[in-house]
Amino acid sequence: MARQKFEFRCTECQKYFDFVLNTSLNGDYRIHCPNCGHVHYRTIKKGEITETRHGKGDSILIEDIYPMKSSCRDTKKEKPELVGQKRKNFLSRLWERTVQQV
């Protein structure tokens, strides 16, 4: 069973949070914001969150998704390839500061 990590932004409290989905998921789900409890009605196809929103009574609800409270944050995460580049730049800057102090 493959899993994929998603980042989601709550439109109510403006916080970002992460959760992991099984790539075989299909159907209508309720994603609960771990910060404010706001419910997002989303359709998931092949483990991907679509932009399709379903209403409270539009279709058969499969299950609720409750991300962990610890995944909440104020800013969007950087893409993985950018994180590696920033880390390299950070280490370069740290090395330069160390060399300058000696």
PDB file of N, CA and C in Angstrom:
ATOM      1  N   MET A   1       0.828  -1.175   0.000  1.00  0.00           N
ATOM      2  CA  MET A   1       0.000   0.000   0.000  1.00  0.00           C
ATOM      3  C   MET A   1       0.881   1.250   0.000  1.00  0.00           C
ATOM      4  N   ALA A   2       0.799   2.043  -1.009  1.00  0.00           N
ATOM      5  CA  ALA A   2       1.598   3.269  -1.100  1.00  0.00           C
ATOM      6  C   ALA A   2       0.867   4.414  -0.402  1.00  0.00           C
ATOM      7  N   ARG A   3       1.660   5.322   0.130  1.00  0.00           N
ATOM      8  CA  ARG A   3       1.102   6.481   0.815  1.00  0.00           C
ATOM      9  C   ARG A   3       1.756   7.744   0.275  1.00  0.00           C
ATOM     10  N   GLN A   4       0.999   8.839   0.341  1.00  0.00           N
ATOM     11  CA  GLN A   4       1.500  10.108  -0.153  1.00  0.00           C
ATOM     12  C   GLN A   4       1.151  11.199   0.855  1.00  0.00           C
ATOM     13  N   LYS A   5       2.097  12.109   1.092  1.00  0.00           N
ATOM     14  CA  LYS A   5       1.892  13.193   2.042  1.00  0.00           C
ATOM     15  C   LYS A   5       1.303  14.410   1.337  1.00  0.00           C
ATOM     16  N   PHE A   6       0.333  15.051   1.984  1.00  0.00           N
ATOM     17  CA  PHE A   6      -0.311  16.233   1.427  1.00  0.00           C
ATOM     18  C   PHE A   6      -0.234  17.386   2.409  1.00  0.00           C
ATOM     19  N   GLU A   7      -0.151  18.579   1.864  1.00  0.00           N
ATOM     20  CA  GLU A   7      -0.233  19.799   2.654  1.00  0.00           C
ATOM     21  C   GLU A   7      -1.569  20.446   2.318  1.00  0.00           C
ATOM     22  N   PHE A   8      -2.262  20.926   3.329  1.00  0.00           N
ATOM     23  CA  PHE A   8      -3.593  21.487   3.140  1.00  0.00           C
ATOM     24  C   PHE A   8      -3.674  22.798   3.908  1.00  0.00           C
ATOM     25  N   ARG A   9      -4.410  23.765   3.388  1.00  0.00           N
ATOM     26  CA  ARG A   9      -4.589  25.064   4.044  1.00  0.00           C
ATOM     27  C   ARG A   9      -6.051  25.225   4.428  1.00  0.00           C
ATOM     28  N   CYS A  10      -6.268  25.557   5.677  1.00  0.00           N
ATOM     29  CA  CYS A  10      -7.628  25.783   6.157  1.00  0.00           C
ATOM     30  C   CYS A  10      -8.065  27.188   5.764  1.00  0.00           C
ATOM     31  N   THR A  11      -9.214  27.291   5.150  1.00  0.00           N
ATOM     32  CA  THR A  11      -9.724  28.588   4.722  1.00  0.00           C
ATOM     33  C   THR A  11     -10.310  29.380   5.887  1.00  0.00           C
ATOM     34  N   GLU A  12     -10.562  28.712   6.997  1.00  0.00           N
ATOM     35  CA  GLU A  12     -11.156  29.367   8.154  1.00  0.00           C
ATOM     36  C   GLU A  12     -10.092  30.053   9.026  1.00  0.00           C
ATOM     37  N   CYS A  13      -9.053  29.313   9.419  1.00  0.00           N
ATOM     38  CA  CYS A  13      -8.036  29.868  10.332  1.00  0.00           C
ATOM     39  C   CYS A  13      -6.730  30.215   9.624  1.00  0.00           C
ATOM     40  N   GLN A  14      -6.625  29.914   8.328  1.00  0.00           N
ATOM     41  CA  GLN A  14      -5.451  30.225   7.506  1.00  0.00           C
ATOM     42  C   GLN A  14      -4.197  29.445   7.901  1.00  0.00           C
ATOM     43  N   LYS A  15      -4.342  28.348   8.640  1.00  0.00           N
ATOM     44  CA  LYS A  15      -3.194  27.520   9.032  1.00  0.00           C
ATOM     45  C   LYS A  15      -2.978  26.425   7.990  1.00  0.00           C
ATOM     46  N   TYR A  16      -1.743  25.949   7.900  1.00  0.00           N
ATOM     47  CA  TYR A  16      -1.388  24.829   7.034  1.00  0.00           C
ATOM     48  C   TYR A  16      -1.209  23.589   7.898  1.00  0.00           C
ATOM     49  N   PHE A  17      -1.563  22.425   7.352  1.00  0.00           N
ATOM     50  CA  PHE A  17      -1.337  21.177   8.074  1.00  0.00           C
ATOM     51  C   PHE A  17      -1.083  20.054   7.075  1.00  0.00           C
ATOM     52  N   ASP A  18      -0.421  19.004   7.567  1.00  0.00           N
ATOM     53  CA  ASP A  18      -0.047  17.859   6.738  1.00  0.00           C
ATOM     54  C   ASP A  18      -0.809  16.618   7.173  1.00  0.00           C
ATOM     55  N   PHE A  19      -0.993  15.717   6.226  1.00  0.00           N
ATOM     56  CA  PHE A  19      -1.518  14.394   6.533  1.00  0.00           C
ATOM     57  C   PHE A  19      -1.138  13.452   5.403  1.00  0.00           C
ATOM     58  N   VAL A  20      -1.190  12.167   5.685  1.00  0.00           N
ATOM     59  CA  VAL A  20      -0.783  11.138   4.734  1.00  0.00           C
ATOM     60  C   VAL A  20      -2.019  10.374   4.275  1.00  0.00           C
ATOM     61  N   LEU A  21      -2.104  10.151   2.951  1.00  0.00           N
ATOM     62  CA  LEU A  21      -3.229   9.404   2.389  1.00  0.00           C
ATOM     63  C   LEU A  21      -2.740   8.157   1.667  1.00  0.00           C
ATOM     64  N   ASN A  22      -3.533   7.125   1.739  1.00  0.00           N
ATOM     65  CA  ASN A  22      -3.297   5.916   0.972  1.00  0.00           C
ATOM     66  C   ASN A  22      -3.620   6.230  -0.486  1.00  0.00           C
ATOM     67  N   THR A  23      -2.772   5.813  -1.420  1.00  0.00           N
ATOM     68  CA  THR A  23      -2.978   6.156  -2.834  1.00  0.00           C
ATOM     69  C   THR A  23      -4.149   5.410  -3.462  1.00  0.00           C
ATOM     70  N   SER A  24      -4.737   4.469  -2.753  1.00  0.00           N
ATOM     71  CA  SER A  24      -5.883   3.749  -3.316  1.00  0.00           C
ATOM     72  C   SER A  24      -7.218   4.337  -2.867  1.00  0.00           C
ATOM     73  N   LEU A  25      -7.199   5.457  -2.148  1.00  0.00           N
ATOM     74  CA  LEU A  25      -8.451   6.062  -1.673  1.00  0.00           C
ATOM     75  C   LEU A  25      -9.235   6.682  -2.819  1.00  0.00           C
ATOM     76  N   ASN A  26     -10.536   6.470  -2.788  1.00  0.00           N
ATOM     77  CA  ASN A  26     -11.459   7.067  -3.743  1.00  0.00           C
ATOM     78  C   ASN A  26     -12.756   7.366  -3.015  1.00  0.00           C
ATOM     79  N   GLY A  27     -13.323   8.539  -3.265  1.00  0.00           N
ATOM     80  CA  GLY A  27     -14.611   8.864  -2.673  1.00  0.00           C
ATOM     81  C   GLY A  27     -14.638  10.239  -2.054  1.00  0.00           C
ATOM     82  N   ASP A  28     -15.690  10.478  -1.274  1.00  0.00           N
ATOM     83  CA  ASP A  28     -15.896  11.771  -0.630  1.00  0.00           C
ATOM     84  C   ASP A  28     -15.501  11.673   0.838  1.00  0.00           C
ATOM     85  N   TYR A  29     -14.695  12.629   1.281  1.00  0.00           N
ATOM     86  CA  TYR A  29     -14.173  12.622   2.638  1.00  0.00           C
ATOM     87  C   TYR A  29     -14.382  13.972   3.297  1.00  0.00           C
ATOM     88  N   ARG A  30     -14.371  13.974   4.611  1.00  0.00           N
ATOM     89  CA  ARG A  30     -14.374  15.215   5.388  1.00  0.00           C
ATOM     90  C   ARG A  30     -13.001  15.326   6.023  1.00  0.00           C
ATOM     91  N   ILE A  31     -12.302  16.424   5.721  1.00  0.00           N
ATOM     92  CA  ILE A  31     -10.984  16.682   6.301  1.00  0.00           C
ATOM     93  C   ILE A  31     -11.178  17.746   7.375  1.00  0.00           C
ATOM     94  N   HIS A  32     -10.842  17.401   8.609  1.00  0.00           N
ATOM     95  CA  HIS A  32     -11.033  18.295   9.743  1.00  0.00           C
ATOM     96  C   HIS A  32      -9.739  19.040  10.039  1.00  0.00           C
ATOM     97  N   CYS A  33      -9.825  20.348  10.134  1.00  0.00           N
ATOM     98  CA  CYS A  33      -8.648  21.154  10.483  1.00  0.00           C
ATOM     99  C   CYS A  33      -8.276  20.852  11.936  1.00  0.00           C
ATOM    100  N   PRO A  34      -7.029  20.464  12.184  1.00  0.00           N
ATOM    101  CA  PRO A  34      -6.638  20.160  13.563  1.00  0.00           C
ATOM    102  C   PRO A  34      -6.519  21.396  14.448  1.00  0.00           C
ATOM    103  N   ASN A  35      -6.486  22.581  13.854  1.00  0.00           N
ATOM    104  CA  ASN A  35      -6.369  23.814  14.638  1.00  0.00           C
ATOM    105  C   ASN A  35      -7.731  24.336  15.086  1.00  0.00           C
ATOM    106  N   CYS A  36      -8.648  24.543  14.142  1.00  0.00           N
ATOM    107  CA  CYS A  36      -9.936  25.160  14.485  1.00  0.00           C
ATOM    108  C   CYS A  36     -11.128  24.213  14.352  1.00  0.00           C
ATOM    109  N   GLY A  37     -10.921  23.031  13.781  1.00  0.00           N
ATOM    110  CA  GLY A  37     -12.005  22.067  13.648  1.00  0.00           C
ATOM    111  C   GLY A  37     -12.884  22.271  12.419  1.00  0.00           C
ATOM    112  N   HIS A  38     -12.568  23.267  11.596  1.00  0.00           N
ATOM    113  CA  HIS A  38     -13.347  23.513  10.376  1.00  0.00           C
ATOM    114  C   HIS A  38     -13.328  22.267   9.490  1.00  0.00           C
ATOM    115  N   VAL A  39     -14.464  21.938   8.901  1.00  0.00           N
ATOM    116  CA  VAL A  39     -14.576  20.736   8.077  1.00  0.00           C
ATOM    117  C   VAL A  39     -14.493  21.121   6.604  1.00  0.00           C
ATOM    118  N   HIS A  40     -13.608  20.437   5.878  1.00  0.00           N
ATOM    119  CA  HIS A  40     -13.449  20.629   4.435  1.00  0.00           C
ATOM    120  C   HIS A  40     -13.993  19.387   3.744  1.00  0.00           C
ATOM    121  N   TYR A  41     -14.960  19.565   2.869  1.00  0.00           N
ATOM    122  CA  TYR A  41     -15.575  18.452   2.143  1.00  0.00           C
ATOM    123  C   TYR A  41     -14.849  18.297   0.812  1.00  0.00           C
ATOM    124  N   ARG A  42     -14.104  17.212   0.647  1.00  0.00           N
ATOM    125  CA  ARG A  42     -13.312  17.006  -0.564  1.00  0.00           C
ATOM    126  C   ARG A  42     -13.531  15.632  -1.152  1.00  0.00           C
ATOM    127  N   THR A  43     -13.398  15.572  -2.484  1.00  0.00           N
ATOM    128  CA  THR A  43     -13.423  14.303  -3.197  1.00  0.00           C
ATOM    129  C   THR A  43     -11.984  13.884  -3.438  1.00  0.00           C
ATOM    130  N   ILE A  44     -11.691  12.621  -3.154  1.00  0.00           N
ATOM    131  CA  ILE A  44     -10.350  12.079  -3.341  1.00  0.00           C
ATOM    132  C   ILE A  44     -10.425  10.989  -4.400  1.00  0.00           C
ATOM    133  N   LYS A  45      -9.545  11.096  -5.406  1.00  0.00           N
ATOM    134  CA  LYS A  45      -9.485  10.092  -6.480  1.00  0.00           C
ATOM    135  C   LYS A  45      -8.066   9.559  -6.577  1.00  0.00           C
ATOM    136  N   LYS A  46      -7.920   8.255  -6.462  1.00  0.00           N
ATOM    137  CA  LYS A  46      -6.622   7.577  -6.537  1.00  0.00           C
ATOM    138  C   LYS A  46      -5.618   8.193  -5.570  1.00  0.00           C
ATOM    139  N   GLY A  47      -6.083   8.532  -4.379  1.00  0.00           N
ATOM    140  CA  GLY A  47      -5.197   9.073  -3.357  1.00  0.00           C
ATOM    141  C   GLY A  47      -4.839  10.527  -3.524  1.00  0.00           C
ATOM    142  N   GLU A  48      -5.409  11.210  -4.511  1.00  0.00           N
ATOM    143  CA  GLU A  48      -5.137  12.631  -4.763  1.00  0.00           C
ATOM    144  C   GLU A  48      -6.354  13.462  -4.355  1.00  0.00           C
ATOM    145  N   ILE A  49      -6.111  14.544  -3.621  1.00  0.00           N
ATOM    146  CA  ILE A  49      -7.201  15.445  -3.251  1.00  0.00           C
ATOM    147  C   ILE A  49      -7.534  16.285  -4.466  1.00  0.00           C
ATOM    148  N   THR A  50      -8.790  16.256  -4.879  1.00  0.00           N
ATOM    149  CA  THR A  50      -9.220  17.055  -6.028  1.00  0.00           C
ATOM    150  C   THR A  50      -9.774  18.388  -5.536  1.00  0.00           C
ATOM    151  N   GLU A  51      -9.984  19.298  -6.448  1.00  0.00           N
ATOM    152  CA  GLU A  51     -10.586  20.586  -6.104  1.00  0.00           C
ATOM    153  C   GLU A  51     -12.104  20.465  -5.987  1.00  0.00           C
ATOM    154  N   THR A  52     -12.635  19.300  -6.304  1.00  0.00           N
ATOM    155  CA  THR A  52     -14.077  19.074  -6.231  1.00  0.00           C
ATOM    156  C   THR A  52     -14.509  19.031  -4.772  1.00  0.00           C
ATOM    157  N   ARG A  53     -15.461  19.864  -4.462  1.00  0.00           N
ATOM    158  CA  ARG A  53     -16.017  19.874  -3.105  1.00  0.00           C
ATOM    159  C   ARG A  53     -17.394  19.237  -3.156  1.00  0.00           C
ATOM    160  N   HIS A  54     -17.697  18.459  -2.168  1.00  0.00           N
ATOM    161  CA  HIS A  54     -19.037  17.883  -2.100  1.00  0.00           C
ATOM    162  C   HIS A  54     -19.753  18.506  -0.916  1.00  0.00           C
ATOM    163  N   GLY A  55     -21.050  18.540  -0.974  1.00  0.00           N
ATOM    164  CA  GLY A  55     -21.838  19.128   0.106  1.00  0.00           C
ATOM    165  C   GLY A  55     -22.092  18.124   1.207  1.00  0.00           C
ATOM    166  N   LYS A  56     -22.720  18.595   2.248  1.00  0.00           N
ATOM    167  CA  LYS A  56     -22.973  17.746   3.405  1.00  0.00           C
ATOM    168  C   LYS A  56     -23.854  16.551   3.065  1.00  0.00           C
ATOM    169  N   GLY A  57     -24.756  16.682   2.113  1.00  0.00           N
ATOM    170  CA  GLY A  57     -25.654  15.578   1.807  1.00  0.00           C
ATOM    171  C   GLY A  57     -25.602  15.137   0.354  1.00  0.00           C
ATOM    172  N   ASP A  58     -24.597  15.618  -0.399  1.00  0.00           N
ATOM    173  CA  ASP A  58     -24.526  15.329  -1.831  1.00  0.00           C
ATOM    174  C   ASP A  58     -24.256  13.865  -2.153  1.00  0.00           C
ATOM    175  N   SER A  59     -23.399  13.226  -1.396  1.00  0.00           N
ATOM    176  CA  SER A  59     -22.988  11.878  -1.761  1.00  0.00           C
ATOM    177  C   SER A  59     -22.739  11.044  -0.515  1.00  0.00           C
ATOM    178  N   ILE A  60     -22.359   9.827  -0.744  1.00  0.00           N
ATOM    179  CA  ILE A  60     -22.077   8.923   0.361  1.00  0.00           C
ATOM    180  C   ILE A  60     -20.700   9.261   0.924  1.00  0.00           C
ATOM    181  N   LEU A  61     -20.662   9.564   2.190  1.00  0.00           N
ATOM    182  CA  LEU A  61     -19.409   9.907   2.855  1.00  0.00           C
ATOM    183  C   LEU A  61     -18.693   8.615   3.255  1.00  0.00           C
ATOM    184  N   ILE A  62     -17.424   8.524   2.916  1.00  0.00           N
ATOM    185  CA  ILE A  62     -16.676   7.321   3.237  1.00  0.00           C
ATOM    186  C   ILE A  62     -16.103   7.397   4.642  1.00  0.00           C
ATOM    187  N   GLU A  63     -15.378   8.456   4.966  1.00  0.00           N
ATOM    188  CA  GLU A  63     -14.837   8.591   6.320  1.00  0.00           C
ATOM    189  C   GLU A  63     -14.333   9.996   6.566  1.00  0.00           C
ATOM    190  N   ASP A  64     -14.009  10.247   7.835  1.00  0.00           N
ATOM    191  CA  ASP A  64     -13.439  11.521   8.241  1.00  0.00           C
ATOM    192  C   ASP A  64     -11.931  11.382   8.342  1.00  0.00           C
ATOM    193  N   ILE A  65     -11.220  12.455   8.038  1.00  0.00           N
ATOM    194  CA  ILE A  65      -9.761  12.496   8.160  1.00  0.00           C
ATOM    195  C   ILE A  65      -9.434  13.534   9.225  1.00  0.00           C
ATOM    196  N   TYR A  66      -8.743  13.095  10.269  1.00  0.00           N
ATOM    197  CA  TYR A  66      -8.347  13.961  11.370  1.00  0.00           C
ATOM    198  C   TYR A  66      -6.819  14.053  11.429  1.00  0.00           C
ATOM    199  N   PRO A  67      -6.224  15.072  10.816  1.00  0.00           N
ATOM    200  CA  PRO A  67      -4.761  15.244  10.904  1.00  0.00           C
ATOM    201  C   PRO A  67      -4.334  15.552  12.341  1.00  0.00           C
ATOM    202  N   MET A  68      -3.068  15.337  12.615  1.00  0.00           N
ATOM    203  CA  MET A  68      -2.541  15.589  13.951  1.00  0.00           C
ATOM    204  C   MET A  68      -2.398  17.085  14.214  1.00  0.00           C
ATOM    205  N   LYS A  69      -2.696  17.494  15.427  1.00  0.00           N
ATOM    206  CA  LYS A  69      -2.586  18.902  15.830  1.00  0.00           C
ATOM    207  C   LYS A  69      -1.154  19.411  15.648  1.00  0.00           C
ATOM    208  N   SER A  70      -0.174  18.549  15.847  1.00  0.00           N
ATOM    209  CA  SER A  70       1.228  18.961  15.745  1.00  0.00           C
ATOM    210  C   SER A  70       1.645  19.295  14.311  1.00  0.00           C
ATOM    211  N   SER A  71       0.801  18.972  13.315  1.00  0.00           N
ATOM    212  CA  SER A  71       1.151  19.279  11.923  1.00  0.00           C
ATOM    213  C   SER A  71       0.775  20.707  11.529  1.00  0.00           C
ATOM    214  N   CYS A  72       0.098  21.454  12.405  1.00  0.00           N
ATOM    215  CA  CYS A  72      -0.323  22.832  12.097  1.00  0.00           C
ATOM    216  C   CYS A  72       0.853  23.793  12.104  1.00  0.00           C
ATOM    217  N   ARG A  73       0.811  24.742  11.181  1.00  0.00           N
ATOM    218  CA  ARG A  73       1.829  25.789  11.134  1.00  0.00           C
ATOM    219  C   ARG A  73       1.251  26.993  10.392  1.00  0.00           C
ATOM    220  N   ASP A  74       1.941  28.132  10.510  1.00  0.00           N
ATOM    221  CA  ASP A  74       1.466  29.383   9.909  1.00  0.00           C
ATOM    222  C   ASP A  74       1.871  29.552   8.459  1.00  0.00           C
ATOM    223  N   THR A  75       2.961  28.928   8.056  1.00  0.00           N
ATOM    224  CA  THR A  75       3.472  29.130   6.700  1.00  0.00           C
ATOM    225  C   THR A  75       3.469  27.834   5.905  1.00  0.00           C
ATOM    226  N   LYS A  76       3.457  27.991   4.608  1.00  0.00           N
ATOM    227  CA  LYS A  76       3.510  26.855   3.698  1.00  0.00           C
ATOM    228  C   LYS A  76       4.924  26.274   3.707  1.00  0.00           C
ATOM    229  N   LYS A  77       5.018  24.962   3.594  1.00  0.00           N
ATOM    230  CA  LYS A  77       6.333  24.319   3.530  1.00  0.00           C
ATOM    231  C   LYS A  77       6.963  24.577   2.183  1.00  0.00           C
ATOM    232  N   GLU A  78       8.284  24.573   2.173  1.00  0.00           N
ATOM    233  CA  GLU A  78       8.998  24.722   0.913  1.00  0.00           C
ATOM    234  C   GLU A  78       9.030  23.375   0.210  1.00  0.00           C
ATOM    235  N   LYS A  79       9.197  23.406  -1.091  1.00  0.00           N
ATOM    236  CA  LYS A  79       9.281  22.164  -1.847  1.00  0.00           C
ATOM    237  C   LYS A  79      10.566  21.427  -1.471  1.00  0.00           C
ATOM    238  N   PRO A  80      10.555  20.091  -1.491  1.00  0.00           N
ATOM    239  CA  PRO A  80      11.733  19.324  -1.063  1.00  0.00           C
ATOM    240  C   PRO A  80      13.023  19.710  -1.779  1.00  0.00           C
ATOM    241  N   GLU A  81      12.960  19.994  -3.084  1.00  0.00           N
ATOM    242  CA  GLU A  81      14.193  20.334  -3.794  1.00  0.00           C
ATOM    243  C   GLU A  81      14.740  21.677  -3.332  1.00  0.00           C
ATOM    244  N   LEU A  82      13.871  22.588  -2.924  1.00  0.00           N
ATOM    245  CA  LEU A  82      14.327  23.878  -2.422  1.00  0.00           C
ATOM    246  C   LEU A  82      14.921  23.750  -1.027  1.00  0.00           C
ATOM    247  N   VAL A  83      14.392  22.830  -0.236  1.00  0.00           N
ATOM    248  CA  VAL A  83      14.909  22.641   1.105  1.00  0.00           C
ATOM    249  C   VAL A  83      16.373  22.219   1.040  1.00  0.00           C
ATOM    250  N   GLY A  84      16.704  21.296   0.138  1.00  0.00           N
ATOM    251  CA  GLY A  84      18.080  20.851  -0.018  1.00  0.00           C
ATOM    252  C   GLY A  84      18.996  21.990  -0.428  1.00  0.00           C
ATOM    253  N   GLN A  85      18.531  22.836  -1.328  1.00  0.00           N
ATOM    254  CA  GLN A  85      19.338  23.966  -1.772  1.00  0.00           C
ATOM    255  C   GLN A  85      19.549  24.954  -0.625  1.00  0.00           C
ATOM    256  N   LYS A  86      18.514  25.231   0.142  1.00  0.00           N
ATOM    257  CA  LYS A  86      18.645  26.169   1.254  1.00  0.00           C
ATOM    258  C   LYS A  86      19.581  25.606   2.310  1.00  0.00           C
ATOM    259  N   ARG A  87      19.497  24.315   2.552  1.00  0.00           N
ATOM    260  CA  ARG A  87      20.378  23.715   3.544  1.00  0.00           C
ATOM    261  C   ARG A  87      21.829  23.870   3.106  1.00  0.00           C
ATOM    262  N   LYS A  88      22.092  23.641   1.830  1.00  0.00           N
ATOM    263  CA  LYS A  88      23.451  23.783   1.319  1.00  0.00           C
ATOM    264  C   LYS A  88      23.907  25.234   1.491  1.00  0.00           C
ATOM    265  N   ASN A  89      23.038  26.177   1.164  1.00  0.00           N
ATOM    266  CA  ASN A  89      23.393  27.580   1.315  1.00  0.00           C
ATOM    267  C   ASN A  89      23.609  27.946   2.782  1.00  0.00           C
ATOM    268  N   PHE A  90      22.803  27.397   3.659  1.00  0.00           N
ATOM    269  CA  PHE A  90      22.955  27.657   5.085  1.00  0.00           C
ATOM    270  C   PHE A  90      24.308  27.150   5.570  1.00  0.00           C
ATOM    271  N   LEU A  91      24.680  25.939   5.171  1.00  0.00           N
ATOM    272  CA  LEU A  91      25.965  25.387   5.585  1.00  0.00           C
ATOM    273  C   LEU A  91      27.122  26.204   5.014  1.00  0.00           C
ATOM    274  N   SER A  92      26.961  26.668   3.796  1.00  0.00           N
ATOM    275  CA  SER A  92      27.999  27.513   3.208  1.00  0.00           C
ATOM    276  C   SER A  92      28.157  28.800   4.001  1.00  0.00           C
ATOM    277  N   ARG A  93      27.038  29.415   4.368  1.00  0.00           N
ATOM    278  CA  ARG A  93      27.092  30.649   5.161  1.00  0.00           C
ATOM    279  C   ARG A  93      27.701  30.387   6.536  1.00  0.00           C
ATOM    280  N   LEU A  94      27.347  29.281   7.153  1.00  0.00           N
ATOM    281  CA  LEU A  94      27.895  28.926   8.450  1.00  0.00           C
ATOM    282  C   LEU A  94      29.405  28.715   8.356  1.00  0.00           C
ATOM    283  N   TRP A  95      29.828  28.036   7.301  1.00  0.00           N
ATOM    284  CA  TRP A  95      31.261  27.804   7.088  1.00  0.00           C
ATOM    285  C   TRP A  95      31.997  29.127   6.901  1.00  0.00           C
ATOM    286  N   GLU A  96      31.408  30.024   6.123  1.00  0.00           N
ATOM    287  CA  GLU A  96      32.038  31.325   5.898  1.00  0.00           C
ATOM    288  C   GLU A  96      32.174  32.109   7.200  1.00  0.00           C
ATOM    289  N   ARG A  97      31.148  32.085   8.036  1.00  0.00           N
ATOM    290  CA  ARG A  97      31.213  32.779   9.322  1.00  0.00           C
ATOM    291  C   ARG A  97      32.293  32.180  10.216  1.00  0.00           C
ATOM    292  N   THR A  98      32.396  30.858  10.209  1.00  0.00           N
ATOM    293  CA  THR A  98      33.408  30.192  11.026  1.00  0.00           C
ATOM    294  C   THR A  98      34.797  30.547  10.562  1.00  0.00           C
ATOM    295  N   VAL A  99      35.014  30.569   9.249  1.00  0.00           N
ATOM    296  CA  VAL A  99      36.329  30.891   8.694  1.00  0.00           C
ATOM    297  C   VAL A  99      36.680  32.342   9.003  1.00  0.00           C
ATOM    298  N   GLN A 100      35.717  33.245   8.918  1.00  0.00           N
ATOM    299  CA  GLN A 100      35.968  34.655   9.187  1.00  0.00           C
ATOM    300  C   GLN A 100      36.324  34.907  10.645  1.00  0.00           C
ATOM    301  N   GLN A 101      35.754  34.133  11.566  1.00  0.00           N
ATOM    302  CA  GLN A 101      36.016  34.331  12.980  1.00  0.00           C
ATOM    303  C   GLN A 101      37.405  33.835  13.384  1.00  0.00           C
ATOM    304  N   VAL A 102      37.975  32.911  12.632  1.00  0.00           N
ATOM    305  CA  VAL A 102      39.273  32.338  12.981  1.00  0.00           C
ATOM    306  C   VAL A 102      40.404  33.217  12.565  1.00  0.00           C
TER     307      VAL A 102
END
